[in-house]
Protein backbone atom coordinates (compact mmCIF):
# COMPACT_ATOMS: atom_id res chain seq x y z
CA MET A 1 -131.97 -146.81 -65.02
CA THR A 2 -134.99 -148.99 -64.88
CA SER A 3 -138.26 -148.04 -63.69
CA GLN A 4 -138.74 -148.27 -60.03
CA ASN A 5 -142.60 -148.08 -59.72
CA ASN A 6 -142.71 -150.85 -57.29
CA ARG A 7 -140.77 -148.86 -54.56
CA CYS A 8 -142.19 -146.10 -52.55
CA VAL A 9 -139.87 -144.00 -50.32
CA LEU A 10 -141.01 -142.56 -47.20
CA LEU A 11 -138.79 -139.59 -46.21
CA LEU A 12 -138.68 -138.57 -42.52
CA GLN A 13 -136.26 -135.85 -41.12
CA GLY A 14 -133.43 -134.82 -43.19
CA PRO A 15 -130.40 -132.47 -42.33
CA LEU A 16 -131.16 -128.89 -42.08
CA SER A 17 -131.47 -128.12 -46.01
CA LYS A 18 -133.11 -128.74 -49.03
CA TYR A 19 -131.22 -132.18 -49.51
CA TYR A 20 -134.35 -134.37 -49.03
CA ALA A 21 -136.61 -132.35 -50.99
CA ARG A 22 -134.10 -132.48 -54.08
CA THR A 23 -133.47 -136.16 -53.29
CA ALA A 24 -137.42 -136.67 -53.63
CA HIS A 25 -137.28 -134.77 -56.89
CA TYR A 26 -134.60 -137.11 -58.54
CA LEU A 27 -136.41 -140.25 -57.05
CA GLU A 28 -139.59 -139.10 -58.67
CA GLU A 29 -137.95 -138.53 -61.95
CA LEU A 30 -136.47 -142.00 -61.92
CA GLY A 31 -140.11 -143.45 -61.46
CA THR A 32 -140.17 -143.81 -57.77
CA LYS A 33 -143.13 -142.77 -55.56
CA THR A 34 -142.40 -140.41 -52.34
CA LEU A 35 -144.11 -139.35 -49.51
CA LYS A 36 -142.97 -137.02 -46.81
CA VAL A 37 -143.90 -136.63 -43.04
CA HIS A 38 -143.29 -133.04 -41.42
CA PHE A 39 -142.61 -133.05 -37.69
CA CYS A 40 -141.70 -129.30 -37.55
CA GLY A 41 -141.66 -126.00 -39.02
CA SER A 42 -138.18 -126.49 -40.51
CA ASP A 43 -139.52 -129.75 -42.45
CA VAL A 44 -142.56 -127.62 -43.95
CA HIS A 45 -139.93 -124.69 -44.85
CA ASP A 46 -137.51 -127.30 -46.64
CA TRP A 47 -139.89 -129.24 -48.60
CA GLU A 48 -140.76 -128.44 -52.23
CA HIS A 49 -143.42 -130.84 -53.03
CA THR A 50 -147.18 -131.39 -52.12
CA ASP A 51 -147.35 -134.75 -51.20
CA ALA A 52 -146.36 -134.47 -47.43
CA VAL A 53 -148.29 -135.30 -44.06
CA ARG A 54 -147.90 -133.62 -40.91
CA PHE A 55 -147.40 -135.62 -37.73
CA SER A 56 -148.56 -133.22 -34.95
CA GLU A 57 -149.45 -135.65 -32.28
CA PRO A 58 -147.87 -136.71 -29.02
CA PRO A 59 -144.68 -138.58 -29.66
CA GLU A 60 -146.11 -141.93 -28.10
CA ASN A 61 -148.51 -141.86 -31.16
CA TRP A 62 -145.75 -142.07 -33.69
CA ALA A 63 -145.43 -145.88 -34.08
CA LEU A 64 -149.05 -146.56 -34.74
CA PHE A 65 -149.14 -143.05 -36.76
CA LEU A 66 -146.27 -144.64 -38.98
CA GLU A 67 -147.65 -148.15 -39.26
CA ALA A 68 -150.86 -146.93 -40.64
CA LEU A 69 -148.96 -144.73 -43.13
CA ILE A 70 -146.93 -147.57 -44.26
CA VAL A 71 -149.68 -149.98 -44.71
CA ALA A 72 -151.77 -147.24 -46.43
CA ASN A 73 -149.29 -146.26 -48.90
CA GLY A 74 -147.24 -149.23 -49.79
CA VAL A 75 -144.01 -148.08 -48.24
CA THR A 76 -140.94 -150.32 -49.25
CA ASP A 77 -138.20 -147.75 -48.13
CA ILE A 78 -137.87 -145.21 -45.20
CA LEU A 79 -135.06 -142.61 -45.76
CA LEU A 80 -133.87 -140.83 -42.61
CA HIS A 81 -130.85 -138.53 -41.61
CA GLY A 82 -129.40 -139.45 -38.18
CA ASP A 83 -130.65 -142.89 -37.30
CA ARG A 84 -130.58 -141.96 -33.50
CA ARG A 85 -133.18 -139.33 -33.55
CA TYR A 86 -135.98 -140.14 -31.32
CA TYR A 87 -138.63 -140.34 -34.24
CA HIS A 88 -136.28 -142.35 -36.36
CA LYS A 89 -135.17 -145.02 -33.85
CA ILE A 90 -138.97 -145.73 -33.42
CA ALA A 91 -139.29 -145.85 -37.12
CA ILE A 92 -136.65 -148.26 -37.49
CA GLY A 93 -138.30 -150.57 -34.95
CA VAL A 94 -141.59 -150.28 -36.95
CA ALA A 95 -139.81 -150.93 -40.17
CA LYS A 96 -138.13 -154.16 -38.97
CA ARG A 97 -141.52 -155.46 -37.97
CA LEU A 98 -143.17 -154.68 -41.28
CA ASP A 99 -140.27 -155.79 -43.43
CA VAL A 100 -139.59 -152.40 -44.82
CA ASN A 101 -135.86 -151.01 -45.62
CA ILE A 102 -134.45 -148.16 -43.69
CA ILE A 103 -131.92 -145.99 -45.33
CA ALA A 104 -129.93 -143.91 -43.14
CA THR A 105 -127.88 -140.76 -44.55
CA GLU A 106 -125.26 -138.65 -42.58
CA LEU A 107 -122.45 -136.39 -43.24
CA GLY A 108 -119.79 -138.34 -45.31
CA TYR A 109 -117.15 -140.82 -43.75
CA LEU A 110 -115.02 -139.10 -46.34
CA ARG A 111 -114.88 -135.35 -45.66
CA PRO A 112 -115.43 -132.62 -46.67
CA ASP A 113 -117.70 -133.05 -49.71
CA TRP A 114 -119.31 -136.44 -49.33
CA MET A 115 -122.40 -137.66 -48.07
CA THR A 116 -123.25 -141.27 -46.44
CA VAL A 117 -125.91 -143.25 -47.69
CA GLU A 118 -126.26 -146.59 -46.02
CA TYR A 119 -129.07 -149.29 -45.84
CA GLY A 120 -129.68 -150.17 -42.25
CA GLY A 121 -127.91 -147.93 -40.20
CA CYS A 122 -124.54 -146.07 -39.75
CA SER A 123 -121.50 -146.26 -37.47
CA ALA A 124 -121.73 -149.56 -35.44
CA LEU A 125 -124.92 -150.35 -37.28
CA SER A 126 -123.16 -150.58 -40.67
CA HIS A 127 -123.16 -153.47 -42.85
CA PHE A 128 -119.97 -152.42 -44.27
CA PRO A 129 -117.09 -155.07 -44.32
CA GLN A 130 -115.79 -155.59 -40.69
CA THR A 131 -112.59 -157.49 -41.73
CA LYS A 132 -109.50 -157.07 -43.92
CA GLN A 133 -110.36 -160.28 -45.55
CA GLU A 134 -113.80 -159.30 -46.46
CA LEU A 135 -112.82 -155.66 -47.76
CA MET A 136 -109.98 -157.19 -49.79
CA ALA A 137 -112.28 -159.47 -51.59
CA LEU A 138 -114.94 -156.92 -52.67
CA ASP A 139 -115.02 -156.55 -56.46
CA PHE A 140 -116.19 -153.03 -57.77
CA PRO A 141 -115.43 -150.80 -60.42
CA VAL A 142 -113.01 -147.92 -59.15
CA THR A 143 -114.44 -144.52 -59.16
CA GLU A 144 -113.03 -141.81 -61.11
CA ASP A 145 -113.67 -139.36 -58.09
CA THR A 146 -110.44 -137.99 -56.56
CA SER A 147 -109.73 -136.77 -53.11
CA GLN A 148 -109.68 -133.02 -54.62
CA LEU A 149 -112.17 -130.82 -52.97
CA ARG A 150 -115.02 -130.15 -55.48
CA TYR A 151 -117.81 -128.28 -53.45
CA PRO A 152 -116.15 -126.00 -50.84
CA GLY A 153 -118.66 -125.20 -47.93
CA SER A 154 -118.43 -122.27 -45.25
CA TYR A 155 -118.86 -121.78 -41.62
CA LYS A 156 -121.58 -119.20 -42.47
CA GLN A 157 -123.94 -121.84 -44.16
CA ILE A 158 -123.64 -124.13 -41.45
CA VAL A 159 -124.82 -121.21 -39.18
CA LEU A 160 -127.39 -119.83 -41.26
CA GLN A 161 -129.00 -123.41 -41.75
CA GLU A 162 -128.97 -123.75 -37.76
CA LEU A 163 -130.73 -120.51 -37.33
CA GLY A 164 -133.06 -121.27 -40.09
CA PHE A 165 -134.22 -124.62 -38.28
CA THR A 166 -134.80 -122.80 -34.94
CA LEU A 167 -136.47 -119.68 -36.77
CA PHE A 168 -139.01 -121.66 -38.98
CA ASN A 169 -139.84 -124.01 -36.16
CA ALA A 170 -140.98 -120.92 -33.98
CA ILE A 171 -142.92 -119.69 -36.91
CA HIS A 172 -144.83 -123.02 -37.30
CA ALA A 173 -144.85 -124.10 -33.61
CA ARG A 174 -148.64 -123.96 -33.15
CA LYS A 175 -148.88 -126.62 -35.86
CA PHE A 176 -146.54 -128.91 -34.20
CA PRO A 177 -147.25 -128.57 -30.41
CA HIS A 178 -145.72 -131.91 -29.49
CA TYR A 179 -142.83 -131.83 -31.43
CA ARG A 180 -139.49 -133.50 -29.77
CA ASN A 181 -136.57 -131.91 -30.88
CA HIS A 182 -133.50 -134.07 -31.31
CA ARG A 183 -131.44 -131.09 -30.05
CA THR A 184 -130.61 -131.61 -26.28
CA GLU A 185 -129.23 -128.12 -25.35
CA SER A 186 -130.89 -124.59 -25.32
CA ARG A 187 -130.43 -122.97 -28.76
CA VAL A 188 -129.71 -119.61 -26.84
CA GLN A 189 -126.93 -121.21 -25.14
CA VAL A 190 -125.48 -122.87 -28.47
CA TYR A 191 -125.73 -119.70 -30.60
CA GLY A 192 -124.25 -117.67 -27.76
CA GLY A 193 -121.46 -120.29 -27.48
CA TRP A 194 -120.87 -120.08 -31.19
CA LEU A 195 -120.80 -116.28 -31.31
CA LYS A 196 -118.30 -115.98 -28.31
CA ALA A 197 -115.97 -118.67 -30.10
CA ARG A 198 -116.09 -116.70 -33.44
CA LEU A 199 -115.24 -113.61 -31.54
CA GLN A 200 -112.43 -115.18 -29.92
CA ALA A 201 -111.28 -117.14 -32.86
CA LYS A 202 -108.10 -115.10 -33.29
CA GLN A 203 -106.94 -115.15 -29.56
CA ARG A 204 -107.58 -119.09 -29.70
CA LYS A 205 -105.46 -119.21 -32.71
CA LYS A 206 -102.63 -117.35 -30.95
CA GLU A 207 -102.87 -119.71 -28.07
CA ALA A 208 -102.84 -122.76 -30.02
CA ASP A 209 -99.92 -121.53 -32.06
CA VAL A 210 -98.08 -121.10 -28.97
CA ILE A 211 -98.99 -124.50 -27.38
CA TRP A 212 -98.13 -126.18 -30.68
CA ASP A 213 -94.58 -124.39 -31.36
CA GLY A 214 -94.00 -125.25 -27.53
CA LEU A 215 -94.72 -128.93 -28.04
CA LYS A 216 -92.41 -128.97 -31.24
CA ARG A 217 -89.48 -127.37 -29.66
CA SER A 218 -89.67 -129.58 -26.51
CA GLY A 219 -89.19 -132.67 -28.77
CA THR A 220 -91.66 -134.32 -26.60
CA SER A 221 -93.26 -137.60 -27.70
CA TYR A 222 -97.01 -137.35 -27.47
CA TYR A 223 -100.49 -139.23 -28.43
CA LEU A 224 -103.22 -137.35 -29.95
CA PHE A 225 -106.71 -137.72 -28.65
CA ALA A 226 -109.27 -136.13 -31.22
CA LEU A 227 -112.34 -134.91 -28.99
CA GLN A 228 -116.06 -134.97 -30.17
CA LEU A 229 -118.72 -132.71 -29.45
CA ASN A 230 -120.74 -133.59 -26.13
CA GLY A 231 -124.16 -133.50 -27.87
CA ASP A 232 -122.96 -135.71 -30.75
CA PHE A 233 -125.15 -138.87 -31.38
CA GLN A 234 -121.83 -140.66 -31.64
CA ILE A 235 -121.56 -139.85 -27.74
CA ARG A 236 -125.01 -139.93 -26.90
CA ASP A 237 -126.28 -143.16 -28.67
CA HIS A 238 -123.15 -145.10 -30.20
CA SER A 239 -121.12 -144.78 -26.91
CA PRO A 240 -121.47 -146.10 -23.30
CA PHE A 241 -120.39 -142.67 -22.17
CA GLY A 242 -122.61 -140.52 -20.40
CA SER A 243 -120.68 -137.51 -21.76
CA ILE A 244 -117.47 -136.47 -23.52
CA TYR A 245 -116.20 -135.49 -20.00
CA GLU A 246 -116.60 -139.12 -18.80
CA ALA A 247 -114.50 -140.29 -22.11
CA ILE A 248 -111.73 -137.75 -21.25
CA GLU A 249 -111.57 -139.19 -17.63
CA LYS A 250 -111.24 -142.84 -18.84
CA VAL A 251 -108.66 -141.96 -21.35
CA ILE A 252 -106.58 -140.00 -19.02
CA ALA A 253 -106.73 -142.98 -16.59
CA SER A 254 -105.67 -145.35 -19.19
CA PHE A 255 -102.80 -143.03 -20.27
CA ALA A 256 -101.58 -142.80 -16.76
CA ARG A 257 -101.65 -146.48 -16.48
CA ASN A 258 -100.00 -147.66 -19.66
CA ALA A 259 -98.34 -144.94 -21.67
CA PRO A 260 -94.52 -144.90 -21.72
CA GLU A 261 -92.74 -142.51 -19.14
CA GLY A 262 -91.95 -139.33 -20.84
CA THR A 263 -94.93 -139.11 -23.24
CA SER A 264 -97.59 -136.72 -23.52
CA LEU A 265 -101.34 -136.83 -24.22
CA LEU A 266 -102.64 -133.77 -26.54
CA PHE A 267 -106.29 -133.33 -26.76
CA LYS A 268 -107.59 -131.66 -29.93
CA SER A 269 -111.07 -129.91 -29.47
CA HIS A 270 -113.75 -130.22 -32.33
CA PRO A 271 -113.91 -127.37 -34.84
CA LEU A 272 -117.47 -126.51 -33.66
CA GLU A 273 -116.49 -126.89 -29.91
CA TYR A 274 -117.39 -123.85 -27.83
CA ARG A 275 -117.18 -125.17 -24.15
CA PHE A 276 -113.56 -124.34 -23.87
CA LYS A 277 -113.64 -123.75 -20.10
CA GLU A 278 -115.66 -126.84 -19.44
CA LEU A 279 -113.11 -129.04 -21.51
CA SER A 280 -110.12 -127.51 -19.82
CA ARG A 281 -111.69 -128.04 -16.26
CA ALA A 282 -112.51 -131.71 -17.00
CA ILE A 283 -108.85 -132.46 -18.45
CA VAL A 284 -107.18 -130.61 -15.40
CA ALA A 285 -109.31 -132.33 -13.03
CA ALA A 286 -108.74 -135.95 -14.50
CA SER A 287 -105.08 -135.44 -15.08
CA ARG A 288 -104.72 -134.23 -11.23
CA LYS A 289 -106.57 -137.10 -10.15
CA HIS A 290 -104.10 -139.69 -12.02
CA GLY A 291 -100.96 -137.89 -11.46
CA VAL A 292 -100.41 -136.76 -15.03
CA GLU A 293 -101.18 -133.17 -14.85
CA GLU A 294 -97.87 -132.10 -16.39
CA ARG A 295 -98.35 -134.65 -19.31
CA THR A 296 -101.60 -133.43 -20.74
CA LEU A 297 -102.46 -130.45 -23.09
CA LEU A 298 -105.62 -129.26 -24.67
CA ILE A 299 -105.35 -127.40 -28.04
CA HIS A 300 -108.02 -125.27 -29.82
CA GLY A 301 -106.87 -125.39 -33.33
CA GLN A 302 -104.45 -126.82 -35.91
CA THR A 303 -105.42 -129.59 -38.36
CA ILE A 304 -105.55 -133.41 -37.79
CA LYS A 305 -102.95 -133.63 -40.36
CA GLU A 306 -100.41 -131.21 -38.34
CA LEU A 307 -101.12 -132.75 -35.03
CA ALA A 308 -101.42 -136.32 -36.11
CA GLU A 309 -98.64 -137.07 -38.59
CA PRO A 310 -95.74 -136.39 -35.78
CA SER A 311 -97.63 -138.02 -32.97
CA LEU A 312 -96.98 -141.51 -31.68
CA GLY A 313 -100.47 -142.33 -32.58
CA MET A 314 -104.16 -141.05 -32.47
CA LEU A 315 -107.10 -142.11 -30.38
CA THR A 316 -110.75 -141.35 -31.05
CA ILE A 317 -113.96 -142.77 -29.63
CA ASN A 318 -115.56 -143.24 -32.97
CA SER A 319 -114.90 -140.08 -35.06
CA SER A 320 -114.32 -139.94 -38.72
CA ALA A 321 -111.40 -137.98 -38.04
CA GLY A 322 -109.78 -141.37 -37.64
CA ILE A 323 -110.13 -141.89 -41.44
CA GLU A 324 -107.93 -138.69 -41.94
CA ALA A 325 -105.39 -139.99 -39.53
CA LEU A 326 -105.38 -143.38 -41.31
CA GLU A 327 -104.72 -141.35 -44.52
CA TYR A 328 -101.45 -139.87 -43.13
CA GLY A 329 -100.31 -143.33 -42.19
CA VAL A 330 -100.83 -142.45 -38.34
CA PRO A 331 -101.16 -145.33 -35.98
CA THR A 332 -104.99 -144.99 -34.81
CA CYS A 333 -107.23 -146.62 -32.08
CA CYS A 334 -111.03 -146.49 -32.15
CA ILE A 335 -112.23 -146.78 -28.51
CA LEU A 336 -115.54 -148.15 -30.01
CA PRO A 337 -116.34 -149.82 -33.30
CA THR A 338 -116.94 -147.73 -36.15
CA ILE A 339 -116.86 -148.08 -40.13
CA TYR A 340 -113.02 -148.02 -40.40
CA ASP A 341 -112.20 -150.18 -37.43
CA MET A 342 -110.72 -153.35 -38.89
CA ASP A 343 -107.46 -155.29 -38.99
CA GLY A 344 -104.87 -153.50 -41.32
CA LEU A 345 -106.14 -150.32 -40.49
CA THR A 346 -106.60 -149.52 -36.68
CA HIS A 347 -105.21 -151.06 -33.57
CA GLN A 348 -107.20 -154.43 -32.65
CA GLY A 349 -107.71 -155.94 -29.49
CA ASP A 350 -108.14 -153.96 -25.96
CA TRP A 351 -107.74 -150.01 -26.69
CA GLU A 352 -105.76 -149.72 -23.46
CA ASP A 353 -102.99 -151.42 -25.02
CA PHE A 354 -102.80 -149.09 -27.85
CA TRP A 355 -100.27 -146.97 -25.72
CA CYS A 356 -97.49 -149.58 -26.18
CA SER A 357 -98.47 -151.36 -29.32
CA ALA A 358 -99.54 -148.92 -31.75
CA THR A 359 -98.80 -149.71 -35.40
CA PRO A 360 -99.46 -147.80 -38.67
CA PRO A 361 -102.03 -148.80 -41.15
CA GLU A 362 -101.32 -150.80 -44.36
CA PRO A 363 -101.28 -148.48 -47.18
CA GLU A 364 -103.00 -150.97 -49.71
CA VAL A 365 -105.81 -151.60 -47.29
CA PHE A 366 -106.48 -148.08 -46.65
CA GLN A 367 -106.61 -147.42 -50.30
CA LYS A 368 -109.07 -150.28 -50.83
CA PHE A 369 -110.96 -149.06 -47.73
CA VAL A 370 -111.58 -145.54 -49.54
CA GLU A 371 -112.29 -146.96 -52.89
CA ALA A 372 -114.93 -149.23 -51.36
CA LEU A 373 -116.66 -146.54 -49.41
CA LYS A 374 -116.77 -144.44 -52.61
CA ALA A 375 -118.22 -147.49 -54.46
CA THR A 376 -120.80 -148.41 -51.78
CA ILE A 377 -122.07 -146.05 -49.30
CA GLN A 378 -120.56 -142.63 -50.16
CA VAL A 379 -122.08 -140.17 -52.72
CA ARG A 380 -120.19 -136.80 -53.83
CA GLY A 381 -121.79 -133.86 -52.49
CA THR A 382 -122.28 -131.45 -49.57
CA LEU A 383 -124.99 -129.53 -47.50
CA TYR A 384 -123.16 -126.23 -47.60
CA ASN A 385 -122.62 -125.64 -51.31
CA ALA A 386 -125.58 -125.21 -53.77
CA ASP A 387 -123.99 -127.37 -56.53
CA GLY A 388 -122.81 -129.65 -53.99
CA LEU A 389 -126.36 -130.24 -52.35
CA GLU A 390 -127.72 -130.75 -55.97
CA ALA A 391 -125.15 -133.37 -56.62
CA ALA A 392 -125.63 -135.17 -53.36
CA ALA A 393 -129.22 -135.45 -53.72
CA LYS A 394 -129.12 -136.79 -57.42
CA GLY A 395 -126.30 -139.13 -56.17
CA THR A 396 -128.50 -140.34 -53.30
CA ALA A 397 -131.40 -141.02 -55.34
CA GLU A 398 -129.33 -142.85 -57.80
CA LYS A 399 -127.59 -144.94 -54.91
CA ILE A 400 -130.91 -145.78 -53.33
CA LEU A 401 -132.07 -147.41 -56.67
CA THR A 402 -128.89 -148.96 -57.95
CA THR A 403 -129.54 -152.28 -55.89
CA SER A 404 -132.68 -154.38 -56.27
CA TYR A 405 -135.26 -154.34 -53.05
CA THR A 406 -134.69 -158.17 -52.70
CA GLU A 407 -130.94 -157.57 -52.38
CA HIS A 408 -131.51 -154.60 -49.87
CA ARG A 409 -133.65 -157.12 -47.63
CA MET A 410 -130.64 -159.33 -47.21
CA LYS A 411 -128.91 -156.61 -45.64
CA ARG A 412 -131.45 -156.68 -42.56
CA MET A 413 -129.38 -159.14 -40.53
CA GLU A 414 -127.34 -158.03 -37.45
CA PRO A 415 -124.78 -155.59 -38.31
CA PRO A 416 -121.36 -157.30 -37.97
CA ARG A 417 -119.96 -154.57 -35.42
CA LEU A 418 -122.96 -154.80 -33.13
CA ALA A 419 -121.66 -157.64 -30.91
CA LYS A 420 -118.41 -155.62 -30.22
CA ALA A 421 -120.65 -152.66 -29.46
CA ARG A 422 -122.66 -154.52 -27.05
CA LYS A 423 -119.78 -155.89 -25.28
CA MET A 424 -118.45 -152.34 -24.58
CA GLY A 425 -121.67 -151.57 -23.14
CA VAL A 426 -123.44 -149.81 -26.28
CA THR A 427 -127.12 -151.01 -26.84
CA TYR A 428 -129.75 -150.42 -29.70
CA ASP A 429 -133.10 -151.28 -28.55
CA HIS A 430 -134.44 -152.17 -32.02
CA PHE A 431 -132.06 -155.24 -32.37
CA VAL A 432 -132.54 -158.27 -30.30
């Protein structure tokens, strides 16, 4: 790879791991200058280099601080994880004004051992092709990567990284008195919920098995709704819903109005969910309100494959679980625009029509879609496995530098999914 000495990559907050530290290492090996901003104690702990500055001022000073940093260091690119975090949203606005690239990372659209690396933004802010015609016209070398799991992770590693985030923030709290955490819930509440969920895991599995066996024996035709976490940015910022509970109410209302008589609606909770009582109460209340209490079910367990394959179709707000459903040939509907929402893959038009007009994805389009993701905005690796993290960091550095700076600048036009997102009530303040 040629020298990238004309590039300077500023790293903001990464995921809870050494991922960004290792990415900086590989960027520097490839001849690129890097700089890091620390916002909290966890950032300090995860960093392995000396080139870093602290932002310990009040949040309202961040934009001016960042502008000065960009100008003083000749920053050409900003790398950030989660494009909807408070500091990152402001950084995107500043970058747009100063003609600086934004590179966003997230957990992979392909799961479990892939990472997403996108110029501009993710989800409805992605510049990935939006139509079947654009997708099928793409020309790229087919990757040798297979769908076989290469870097198995663990729930234990997820928990340890989360605990470390809280611990190191507490240790260094005096250094960052004004830090604005992107987490919206009390860590005591979350950790207590996780612990309780783990202690009840066997009981939940038994309950799920009973529900699933009963549904299969009854022969009832059903739709599947894959739920997302209430605090997920996909709900908080990439959707118009005030909460997952509001989304549940709207889906049940639509089901009651439009779904064929005799069909049921099965809700599947997220694997990291712990608010079981709240979910159950929300589903029961909305079902009673719309007269379908006997036709709705909530299950805390089973895989998407097990539940989706026999279903009439799967709905999701904008979860990557929809890609898994498409893989199994299941008719899928995204309530909001996301990376895989295109003709030939998902239900198009008004999502409320899905109940009576669900059609399966076209296999050749799905195959091209996966190959295109791997070739453009995915890198192999994971945060929850040491070898996988190293692979992800190396792949991320290479992905950042494989396209010229001039070509990346062309990607700053308005994302193709943005108009549809706006129409559905989703707003992004840094786009005019």
